[in-house]
N, C-alpha and C. Protein backbone atom coordinates (compact mmCIF):
# COMPACT_ATOMS: atom_id res chain seq x y z
N MET A 1 -2.98 -20.39 -45.25
CA MET A 1 -1.64 -20.79 -44.43
C MET A 1 -1.73 -22.23 -43.77
N PRO A 2 -0.53 -22.91 -44.48
CA PRO A 2 -0.88 -24.66 -43.35
C PRO A 2 -0.50 -24.45 -41.81
N LYS A 3 -1.37 -25.30 -41.57
CA LYS A 3 -1.73 -26.07 -39.99
C LYS A 3 0.09 -26.25 -39.62
N SER A 4 0.32 -25.61 -37.96
CA SER A 4 1.24 -25.94 -37.14
C SER A 4 0.39 -27.66 -36.96
N TYR A 5 2.53 -28.47 -36.88
CA TYR A 5 1.76 -30.04 -36.32
C TYR A 5 0.98 -30.08 -35.08
N ARG A 6 1.24 -29.02 -34.07
CA ARG A 6 0.67 -28.40 -32.94
C ARG A 6 -0.40 -28.52 -33.07
N ARG A 7 -1.02 -27.65 -34.09
CA ARG A 7 -2.20 -27.49 -33.81
C ARG A 7 -3.21 -28.48 -34.78
N TRP A 8 -2.89 -29.65 -35.21
CA TRP A 8 -2.93 -30.99 -35.67
C TRP A 8 -3.68 -31.46 -34.62
N ILE A 9 -2.27 -31.78 -34.33
CA ILE A 9 -2.74 -33.06 -32.80
C ILE A 9 -3.24 -31.91 -31.91
N TYR A 10 -3.46 -30.92 -32.03
CA TYR A 10 -4.99 -30.72 -30.77
C TYR A 10 -6.05 -31.11 -31.35
N GLU A 11 -6.43 -30.79 -32.51
CA GLU A 11 -7.58 -30.95 -33.17
C GLU A 11 -8.38 -31.66 -33.48
N ILE A 12 -6.63 -33.21 -33.59
CA ILE A 12 -7.31 -35.06 -33.35
C ILE A 12 -7.77 -34.82 -32.45
N LEU A 13 -6.85 -35.18 -30.74
CA LEU A 13 -7.68 -35.11 -29.68
C LEU A 13 -8.71 -34.20 -28.82
N GLU A 14 -8.81 -32.62 -29.30
CA GLU A 14 -9.43 -31.89 -28.79
C GLU A 14 -10.45 -31.62 -29.11
N GLU A 15 -10.54 -31.27 -30.57
CA GLU A 15 -11.77 -30.86 -30.97
C GLU A 15 -12.87 -32.11 -30.63
N GLU A 16 -14.02 -31.78 -31.26
CA GLU A 16 -15.29 -31.89 -30.99
C GLU A 16 -16.33 -32.07 -32.41
N ASN A 17 -17.07 -32.91 -32.67
CA ASN A 17 -18.27 -32.61 -33.40
C ASN A 17 -17.52 -32.99 -35.34
N HIS A 18 -16.76 -34.33 -34.56
CA HIS A 18 -16.13 -34.60 -36.57
C HIS A 18 -17.30 -35.21 -37.18
N ALA A 19 -17.40 -35.45 -38.42
CA ALA A 19 -18.44 -36.68 -38.53
C ALA A 19 -17.89 -37.75 -39.49
N ASN A 20 -15.94 -37.45 -39.67
CA ASN A 20 -15.59 -38.82 -39.86
C ASN A 20 -14.04 -38.10 -40.25
N GLY A 21 -12.93 -39.14 -39.99
CA GLY A 21 -11.72 -38.48 -40.44
C GLY A 21 -10.78 -38.46 -38.70
N TRP A 22 -9.92 -38.18 -39.22
CA TRP A 22 -8.73 -38.55 -38.08
C TRP A 22 -8.62 -38.52 -36.54
N PRO A 23 -9.30 -37.10 -36.10
CA PRO A 23 -10.30 -37.13 -34.40
C PRO A 23 -11.23 -38.35 -34.07
N ASN A 24 -11.79 -38.74 -35.08
CA ASN A 24 -12.63 -39.98 -34.65
C ASN A 24 -12.18 -41.10 -34.62
N LEU A 25 -11.23 -41.24 -35.51
CA LEU A 25 -10.79 -42.52 -35.91
C LEU A 25 -9.56 -42.84 -34.35
N VAL A 26 -9.32 -41.50 -33.39
CA VAL A 26 -8.36 -42.05 -32.57
C VAL A 26 -8.55 -42.06 -32.18
N SER A 27 -9.76 -40.92 -31.25
CA SER A 27 -11.00 -41.56 -30.71
C SER A 27 -11.84 -42.56 -30.32
N LEU A 28 -11.82 -43.08 -31.55
CA LEU A 28 -12.54 -44.71 -31.25
C LEU A 28 -11.07 -45.86 -30.76
N ALA A 29 -10.34 -45.55 -31.15
CA ALA A 29 -9.33 -45.96 -31.21
C ALA A 29 -8.46 -46.31 -29.21
N LEU A 30 -8.63 -45.09 -29.19
CA LEU A 30 -8.53 -44.40 -27.99
C LEU A 30 -9.39 -45.29 -26.83
N MET A 31 -10.94 -45.41 -27.18
CA MET A 31 -11.73 -45.79 -26.53
C MET A 31 -11.47 -47.60 -26.47
N LEU A 32 -11.44 -47.78 -26.95
CA LEU A 32 -11.47 -49.04 -27.67
C LEU A 32 -10.02 -49.95 -26.61
N LEU A 33 -9.46 -49.12 -26.63
CA LEU A 33 -7.62 -49.37 -25.74
C LEU A 33 -7.97 -49.45 -24.17
N VAL A 34 -9.18 -48.03 -24.19
CA VAL A 34 -9.66 -47.75 -22.64
C VAL A 34 -9.87 -49.23 -21.87
N VAL A 35 -11.50 -49.36 -22.55
CA VAL A 35 -12.34 -50.62 -22.26
C VAL A 35 -11.39 -51.88 -22.59
N LEU A 36 -10.92 -52.65 -23.32
CA LEU A 36 -9.56 -53.68 -23.78
C LEU A 36 -8.79 -53.43 -21.87
N ASN A 37 -8.00 -52.13 -21.92
CA ASN A 37 -7.65 -52.09 -20.42
C ASN A 37 -8.79 -52.98 -19.25
N VAL A 38 -9.41 -52.35 -19.86
CA VAL A 38 -9.93 -52.39 -18.31
C VAL A 38 -10.69 -54.05 -18.12
N ALA A 39 -10.56 -54.54 -19.33
CA ALA A 39 -11.15 -55.97 -19.55
C ALA A 39 -10.41 -56.78 -18.96
N ALA A 40 -8.82 -56.63 -19.45
CA ALA A 40 -7.61 -57.37 -18.52
C ALA A 40 -7.56 -56.65 -17.15
N VAL A 41 -7.63 -55.88 -17.02
CA VAL A 41 -7.48 -55.52 -15.29
C VAL A 41 -8.41 -56.92 -15.01
N ILE A 42 -9.92 -56.72 -15.02
CA ILE A 42 -10.87 -57.97 -14.61
C ILE A 42 -10.17 -59.31 -14.37
N MET A 43 -10.09 -59.93 -15.75
CA MET A 43 -9.38 -61.20 -16.27
C MET A 43 -8.07 -61.82 -15.14
N GLU A 44 -7.18 -60.46 -15.24
CA GLU A 44 -6.16 -60.67 -14.09
C GLU A 44 -6.14 -60.99 -12.90
N THR A 45 -7.54 -60.46 -12.37
CA THR A 45 -8.03 -61.45 -11.10
C THR A 45 -8.45 -63.05 -11.42
N VAL A 46 -8.77 -63.65 -12.08
CA VAL A 46 -9.45 -64.69 -12.28
C VAL A 46 -7.88 -64.95 -11.87
N GLU A 47 -7.64 -66.00 -10.98
CA GLU A 47 -6.60 -66.67 -10.36
C GLU A 47 -5.39 -67.87 -12.45
N TRP A 48 -6.66 -68.68 -12.49
CA TRP A 48 -5.92 -69.66 -13.82
C TRP A 48 -5.89 -68.79 -15.08
N LEU A 49 -6.06 -67.80 -15.15
CA LEU A 49 -6.04 -66.77 -16.38
C LEU A 49 -4.72 -66.20 -16.10
N TYR A 50 -4.47 -65.59 -15.35
CA TYR A 50 -3.30 -65.00 -15.37
C TYR A 50 -2.24 -65.73 -14.61
N PHE A 51 -1.80 -66.86 -14.55
CA PHE A 51 -0.98 -67.70 -14.45
C PHE A 51 -0.91 -68.36 -15.44
N ALA A 52 -1.68 -68.52 -16.89
CA ALA A 52 -1.09 -68.32 -17.80
C ALA A 52 -1.47 -68.24 -19.00
N TYR A 53 -1.88 -66.70 -18.48
CA TYR A 53 -1.40 -65.38 -19.45
C TYR A 53 -0.47 -64.03 -18.68
N GLY A 54 -0.80 -64.36 -18.07
CA GLY A 54 0.24 -63.04 -17.42
C GLY A 54 1.63 -62.30 -18.44
N PRO A 55 1.63 -62.66 -18.98
CA PRO A 55 3.34 -62.01 -20.19
C PRO A 55 2.21 -61.71 -20.66
N ILE A 56 1.08 -61.60 -21.24
CA ILE A 56 0.73 -61.24 -22.11
C ILE A 56 -0.15 -60.20 -21.44
N PHE A 57 -0.38 -60.45 -20.60
CA PHE A 57 -1.85 -58.86 -19.63
C PHE A 57 -0.12 -58.01 -19.37
N GLU A 58 1.63 -58.29 -19.10
CA GLU A 58 1.72 -57.17 -18.29
C GLU A 58 2.47 -56.51 -19.86
N ALA A 59 2.65 -57.80 -20.75
CA ALA A 59 3.18 -56.45 -22.12
C ALA A 59 2.19 -55.95 -22.92
N PHE A 60 0.43 -56.06 -22.66
CA PHE A 60 -0.55 -55.22 -22.74
C PHE A 60 -0.71 -53.87 -22.26
N ASN A 61 -0.59 -54.49 -20.95
CA ASN A 61 0.02 -53.15 -19.91
C ASN A 61 1.06 -51.85 -20.32
N VAL A 62 2.18 -52.72 -20.41
CA VAL A 62 2.80 -51.56 -21.39
C VAL A 62 2.53 -51.23 -22.45
N PHE A 63 2.18 -51.64 -23.55
CA PHE A 63 1.84 -50.67 -24.70
C PHE A 63 1.20 -50.21 -23.88
N SER A 64 0.26 -50.07 -23.45
CA SER A 64 -0.97 -49.20 -23.06
C SER A 64 -0.53 -47.72 -22.72
N ILE A 65 -0.34 -48.77 -21.63
CA ILE A 65 0.52 -47.33 -21.15
C ILE A 65 1.98 -46.62 -21.61
N GLY A 66 2.22 -47.35 -23.14
CA GLY A 66 3.36 -46.07 -24.25
C GLY A 66 2.04 -45.10 -24.84
N ILE A 67 1.16 -46.05 -24.73
CA ILE A 67 0.58 -45.11 -25.60
C ILE A 67 -0.16 -44.03 -25.17
N PHE A 68 -0.93 -44.33 -23.86
CA PHE A 68 -1.44 -43.50 -22.91
C PHE A 68 -0.27 -41.94 -22.05
N THR A 69 0.71 -42.54 -21.89
CA THR A 69 1.96 -41.33 -21.62
C THR A 69 2.20 -40.34 -23.25
N ILE A 70 1.90 -41.33 -24.20
CA ILE A 70 2.46 -40.08 -24.92
C ILE A 70 1.06 -39.20 -26.14
N GLU A 71 0.17 -40.18 -25.78
CA GLU A 71 -1.46 -39.42 -25.76
C GLU A 71 -1.40 -38.20 -24.79
N TYR A 72 -0.89 -38.37 -23.62
CA TYR A 72 -1.00 -37.13 -22.70
C TYR A 72 -0.29 -36.08 -22.87
N ILE A 73 0.88 -36.92 -23.08
CA ILE A 73 2.52 -35.63 -23.07
C ILE A 73 2.05 -34.70 -24.00
N LEU A 74 1.16 -35.79 -25.85
CA LEU A 74 0.53 -34.45 -26.59
C LEU A 74 -0.24 -33.49 -26.36
N ARG A 75 -1.13 -34.36 -25.35
CA ARG A 75 -2.81 -32.92 -25.11
C ARG A 75 -1.61 -31.73 -24.22
N ILE A 76 -0.79 -31.81 -23.40
CA ILE A 76 -0.15 -30.96 -23.00
C ILE A 76 0.32 -30.07 -23.65
N TRP A 77 1.34 -30.53 -24.50
CA TRP A 77 1.88 -30.29 -25.51
C TRP A 77 1.04 -28.57 -26.26
N SER A 78 -0.34 -30.03 -26.85
CA SER A 78 -0.90 -28.88 -27.70
C SER A 78 -1.86 -28.22 -26.79
N CYS A 79 -1.97 -28.32 -25.76
CA CYS A 79 -2.88 -27.24 -25.24
C CYS A 79 -3.32 -25.75 -25.38
N ILE A 80 -1.73 -25.18 -25.99
CA ILE A 80 -2.05 -23.80 -25.86
C ILE A 80 -2.62 -23.33 -27.03
N GLU A 81 -3.11 -24.62 -27.64
CA GLU A 81 -3.74 -24.40 -29.22
C GLU A 81 -5.49 -23.50 -28.94
N ASP A 82 -5.96 -24.20 -27.73
CA ASP A 82 -7.00 -23.66 -26.78
C ASP A 82 -7.03 -22.59 -26.98
N PRO A 83 -7.85 -21.14 -26.99
CA PRO A 83 -7.54 -19.99 -26.61
C PRO A 83 -7.64 -19.90 -25.17
N ARG A 84 -7.99 -20.73 -24.00
CA ARG A 84 -7.94 -20.68 -22.39
C ARG A 84 -7.00 -21.02 -21.89
N TYR A 85 -5.87 -21.36 -22.95
CA TYR A 85 -4.51 -21.55 -22.18
C TYR A 85 -3.28 -21.21 -22.88
N ARG A 86 -3.76 -19.68 -23.61
CA ARG A 86 -2.81 -19.22 -24.87
C ARG A 86 -1.71 -18.07 -23.76
N ALA A 87 -2.52 -18.63 -22.42
CA ALA A 87 -1.22 -17.25 -21.69
C ALA A 87 -0.16 -17.44 -22.06
N PRO A 88 0.59 -16.47 -21.37
CA PRO A 88 2.49 -16.39 -21.87
C PRO A 88 3.15 -17.94 -21.21
N GLN A 89 2.26 -17.79 -19.45
CA GLN A 89 3.09 -18.46 -18.75
C GLN A 89 1.53 -19.14 -17.75
N GLY A 90 2.28 -20.20 -17.71
CA GLY A 90 2.24 -21.33 -16.53
C GLY A 90 0.38 -22.04 -17.58
N SER A 91 0.38 -21.99 -19.03
CA SER A 91 -0.42 -22.41 -19.01
C SER A 91 -0.83 -23.89 -19.56
N ARG A 92 0.62 -24.84 -19.36
CA ARG A 92 -0.24 -25.90 -19.86
C ARG A 92 -0.34 -26.67 -18.33
N LEU A 93 0.83 -25.59 -17.46
CA LEU A 93 0.21 -25.99 -16.19
C LEU A 93 -1.28 -26.04 -15.61
N ARG A 94 -1.96 -25.19 -16.42
CA ARG A 94 -3.69 -24.42 -15.76
C ARG A 94 -4.06 -25.65 -16.49
N PHE A 95 -3.46 -26.10 -17.45
CA PHE A 95 -4.30 -26.88 -17.87
C PHE A 95 -4.37 -29.04 -17.71
N ALA A 96 -2.86 -28.75 -16.69
CA ALA A 96 -2.62 -30.27 -16.74
C ALA A 96 -3.62 -30.41 -15.10
N ILE A 97 -3.75 -29.34 -14.68
CA ILE A 97 -4.57 -29.72 -12.85
C ILE A 97 -6.06 -29.23 -13.32
N THR A 98 -6.65 -29.83 -14.75
CA THR A 98 -7.79 -29.64 -15.12
C THR A 98 -8.69 -31.45 -14.88
N PRO A 99 -9.69 -30.90 -14.60
CA PRO A 99 -9.67 -32.79 -14.07
C PRO A 99 -9.42 -34.19 -15.17
N LEU A 100 -9.88 -33.73 -16.41
CA LEU A 100 -9.50 -34.95 -17.07
C LEU A 100 -8.33 -34.79 -17.11
N ALA A 101 -7.39 -33.72 -17.16
CA ALA A 101 -5.85 -34.20 -17.01
C ALA A 101 -5.61 -34.89 -15.86
N VAL A 102 -6.12 -34.67 -14.92
CA VAL A 102 -5.76 -35.63 -13.60
C VAL A 102 -6.21 -36.57 -14.15
N VAL A 103 -7.22 -36.93 -14.30
CA VAL A 103 -7.20 -39.07 -14.66
C VAL A 103 -6.55 -38.99 -16.06
N ASP A 104 -6.21 -38.53 -16.72
CA ASP A 104 -5.34 -38.68 -17.92
C ASP A 104 -4.22 -39.04 -16.94
N PHE A 105 -3.55 -38.27 -16.13
CA PHE A 105 -2.13 -38.28 -15.01
C PHE A 105 -2.25 -39.78 -14.41
N ILE A 106 -3.56 -40.48 -13.91
CA ILE A 106 -3.84 -40.15 -12.23
C ILE A 106 -3.48 -41.99 -13.77
N ALA A 107 -3.66 -42.19 -14.35
CA ALA A 107 -4.00 -43.12 -15.10
C ALA A 107 -2.77 -44.09 -15.55
N VAL A 108 -1.74 -42.69 -16.03
CA VAL A 108 -0.75 -43.49 -16.55
C VAL A 108 0.55 -43.44 -14.76
N PHE A 109 0.60 -42.24 -13.97
CA PHE A 109 1.18 -42.19 -13.30
C PHE A 109 1.91 -44.14 -12.49
N PRO A 110 1.30 -44.37 -11.47
CA PRO A 110 1.56 -45.84 -10.65
C PRO A 110 2.63 -46.33 -11.78
N PHE A 111 2.36 -46.56 -13.20
CA PHE A 111 3.19 -47.33 -14.18
C PHE A 111 5.09 -46.93 -13.67
N TYR A 112 4.86 -46.05 -13.96
CA TYR A 112 6.69 -45.40 -13.36
C TYR A 112 6.83 -45.24 -12.03
N LEU A 113 5.87 -45.00 -10.84
CA LEU A 113 6.42 -45.78 -10.03
C LEU A 113 7.64 -46.05 -9.35
N PRO A 114 7.62 -47.59 -9.64
CA PRO A 114 8.50 -48.70 -9.45
C PRO A 114 9.89 -47.76 -9.80
N PHE A 115 10.23 -47.05 -10.70
CA PHE A 115 11.40 -46.57 -11.15
C PHE A 115 11.60 -45.28 -9.92
N VAL A 116 11.54 -45.03 -9.35
CA VAL A 116 11.33 -44.06 -8.44
C VAL A 116 11.26 -44.37 -6.85
N ILE A 117 10.06 -45.24 -6.69
CA ILE A 117 9.96 -45.13 -4.81
C ILE A 117 10.59 -46.98 -5.21
N ALA A 118 11.41 -47.00 -3.46
CA ALA A 118 11.57 -48.95 -4.03
C ALA A 118 10.25 -49.81 -3.33
N ASP A 119 9.59 -48.98 -2.44
CA ASP A 119 8.68 -49.89 -1.04
C ASP A 119 7.62 -50.41 -2.01
N LEU A 120 8.09 -51.63 -2.80
CA LEU A 120 6.89 -52.99 -3.84
C LEU A 120 5.92 -52.59 -2.83
N ARG A 121 5.33 -52.34 -1.57
CA ARG A 121 4.25 -52.84 -1.42
C ARG A 121 2.98 -51.43 -1.82
N PHE A 122 4.28 -49.94 -1.77
CA PHE A 122 3.18 -49.06 -1.96
C PHE A 122 2.93 -49.35 -3.49
N VAL A 123 3.56 -49.65 -4.05
CA VAL A 123 3.55 -49.99 -5.69
C VAL A 123 2.16 -50.35 -5.80
N ARG A 124 2.62 -51.81 -5.66
CA ARG A 124 1.08 -52.98 -5.77
C ARG A 124 0.57 -51.59 -5.67
N ALA A 125 -0.26 -51.71 -4.22
CA ALA A 125 -1.58 -50.62 -3.97
C ALA A 125 -1.95 -49.60 -5.21
N MET A 126 -1.06 -48.72 -6.03
CA MET A 126 -1.12 -47.63 -6.56
C MET A 126 -1.12 -48.42 -7.80
N ARG A 127 -0.76 -49.55 -8.54
CA ARG A 127 -1.88 -50.79 -9.66
C ARG A 127 -3.02 -50.70 -8.92
N LEU A 128 -4.35 -50.65 -8.44
CA LEU A 128 -5.36 -50.50 -8.51
C LEU A 128 -5.80 -48.95 -9.20
N PHE A 129 -5.10 -47.89 -9.42
CA PHE A 129 -5.26 -46.76 -9.82
C PHE A 129 -5.31 -47.27 -11.71
N ARG A 130 -5.14 -48.49 -11.88
CA ARG A 130 -4.50 -49.07 -13.82
C ARG A 130 -6.77 -49.04 -14.07
N LEU A 131 -7.39 -49.01 -13.31
CA LEU A 131 -8.95 -48.52 -12.81
C LEU A 131 -9.19 -47.46 -13.66
N PHE A 132 -8.19 -46.59 -12.71
CA PHE A 132 -8.67 -45.12 -13.16
C PHE A 132 -9.24 -44.76 -14.85
N ARG A 133 -8.16 -45.70 -15.67
CA ARG A 133 -8.18 -45.48 -17.11
C ARG A 133 -9.64 -45.13 -17.47
N ILE A 134 -11.18 -45.55 -16.74
CA ILE A 134 -11.82 -46.08 -17.19
C ILE A 134 -12.38 -44.64 -17.64
N LEU A 135 -11.93 -44.08 -16.33
CA LEU A 135 -12.85 -42.13 -16.16
C LEU A 135 -12.34 -41.79 -17.35
N LYS A 136 -11.53 -42.51 -18.23
CA LYS A 136 -10.45 -41.68 -19.31
C LYS A 136 -11.39 -41.44 -20.87
N LEU A 137 -13.07 -42.08 -20.38
CA LEU A 137 -13.48 -42.44 -21.49
C LEU A 137 -14.35 -41.23 -21.71
N ALA A 138 -13.80 -39.72 -20.23
CA ALA A 138 -14.38 -38.80 -20.83
C ALA A 138 -14.03 -38.17 -21.29
N HIS A 139 -12.48 -38.58 -21.85
CA HIS A 139 -12.15 -37.41 -23.34
C HIS A 139 -13.41 -37.62 -24.49
N TYR A 140 -13.55 -38.65 -24.36
CA TYR A 140 -14.36 -38.86 -26.34
C TYR A 140 -15.58 -39.87 -26.16
N SER A 141 -16.36 -39.17 -24.94
CA SER A 141 -18.13 -39.46 -24.81
C SER A 141 -18.28 -38.07 -24.07
N ARG A 142 -19.11 -37.34 -25.45
CA ARG A 142 -19.86 -36.32 -25.40
C ARG A 142 -20.77 -36.69 -24.08
N ALA A 143 -21.94 -37.79 -24.17
CA ALA A 143 -22.99 -37.81 -22.42
C ALA A 143 -22.10 -37.49 -21.40
N LEU A 144 -20.98 -38.54 -21.21
CA LEU A 144 -20.31 -38.08 -19.77
C LEU A 144 -20.22 -36.54 -19.82
N GLN A 145 -20.28 -36.24 -20.66
CA GLN A 145 -18.86 -35.07 -20.17
C GLN A 145 -20.40 -34.02 -20.08
N THR A 146 -21.47 -34.28 -20.56
CA THR A 146 -22.68 -33.22 -20.35
C THR A 146 -22.98 -34.01 -18.86
N PHE A 147 -22.92 -35.33 -18.65
CA PHE A 147 -22.95 -35.70 -17.46
C PHE A 147 -22.11 -34.74 -15.99
N ASP A 148 -21.13 -34.77 -16.34
CA ASP A 148 -20.44 -34.54 -15.28
C ASP A 148 -20.80 -32.96 -15.20
N GLU A 149 -20.95 -31.89 -15.97
CA GLU A 149 -21.37 -30.34 -15.97
C GLU A 149 -22.55 -30.28 -15.64
N VAL A 150 -23.61 -31.66 -15.62
CA VAL A 150 -24.50 -31.33 -15.06
C VAL A 150 -24.89 -31.41 -13.62
N LEU A 151 -23.88 -31.74 -13.08
CA LEU A 151 -23.68 -33.09 -11.93
C LEU A 151 -22.43 -31.88 -11.50
N ARG A 152 -22.17 -30.97 -11.87
CA ARG A 152 -21.13 -30.05 -11.17
C ARG A 152 -22.32 -28.64 -11.05
N LEU A 153 -22.61 -28.63 -12.00
CA LEU A 153 -23.92 -27.07 -12.13
C LEU A 153 -24.64 -27.33 -10.77
N LYS A 154 -25.59 -28.53 -10.35
CA LYS A 154 -26.63 -29.44 -9.27
C LYS A 154 -26.01 -30.52 -8.88
N LYS A 155 -25.09 -29.61 -8.37
CA LYS A 155 -23.86 -30.82 -7.47
C LYS A 155 -24.85 -29.81 -5.33
N GLU A 156 -25.51 -28.70 -5.10
CA GLU A 156 -25.59 -28.65 -4.32
C GLU A 156 -27.63 -29.41 -3.82
N GLU A 157 -28.45 -29.43 -4.92
CA GLU A 157 -29.61 -29.71 -4.90
C GLU A 157 -29.25 -31.38 -5.13
N LEU A 158 -28.04 -32.64 -5.63
CA LEU A 158 -28.57 -33.70 -5.54
C LEU A 158 -27.85 -33.56 -4.29
N GLY A 159 -26.65 -33.08 -3.62
CA GLY A 159 -26.87 -33.22 -1.61
C GLY A 159 -27.92 -33.17 -1.29
N LEU A 160 -28.47 -31.69 -0.90
CA LEU A 160 -30.45 -32.53 -0.55
C LEU A 160 -30.87 -33.83 -0.80
N CYS A 161 -31.15 -33.96 -1.80
CA CYS A 161 -31.95 -35.27 -2.29
C CYS A 161 -31.60 -36.28 -1.57
N SER A 162 -29.69 -36.18 -1.62
CA SER A 162 -28.78 -37.97 -1.25
C SER A 162 -29.67 -37.92 0.38
N SER A 163 -29.95 -36.25 1.05
CA SER A 163 -29.62 -37.25 2.36
C SER A 163 -30.97 -38.62 3.03
N PRO A 164 -30.16 -39.64 3.99
CA PRO A 164 -30.92 -41.29 4.45
C PRO A 164 -32.12 -40.57 5.08
């Protein structure tokens, strides 16, 4: 039986341990985009670079937001292919409040705020959330996911060790 488009998208975005093929290509492309975004945010802080290449930085940001928004929407749409999110109601919402999905949302949300909120001071402050894009790397790195799991499991012990 042929796979549905939703299943195919799910496997590309969420499945692990692929030796080659689309999932690895997509993961590598998204990782590269995240790293380039972090580099762009850092370079924008250099005044002469920003004045010389501001329109390029802005175009790259819009392009990146478009890709990250499409990725987020596709993850929400395809999440019900995961057995944990197959319940008849509320599955996508349960997925949307998982830590990695929240990071994805926070990475794109500030871009859309000016269309809803007119207070430009607030919008400028929200631009700092662009740095959350680096946390998107957790999607593509099994090592970062393992590190996150260890921190969650050992948070009490680590809390005891961190006293001054």
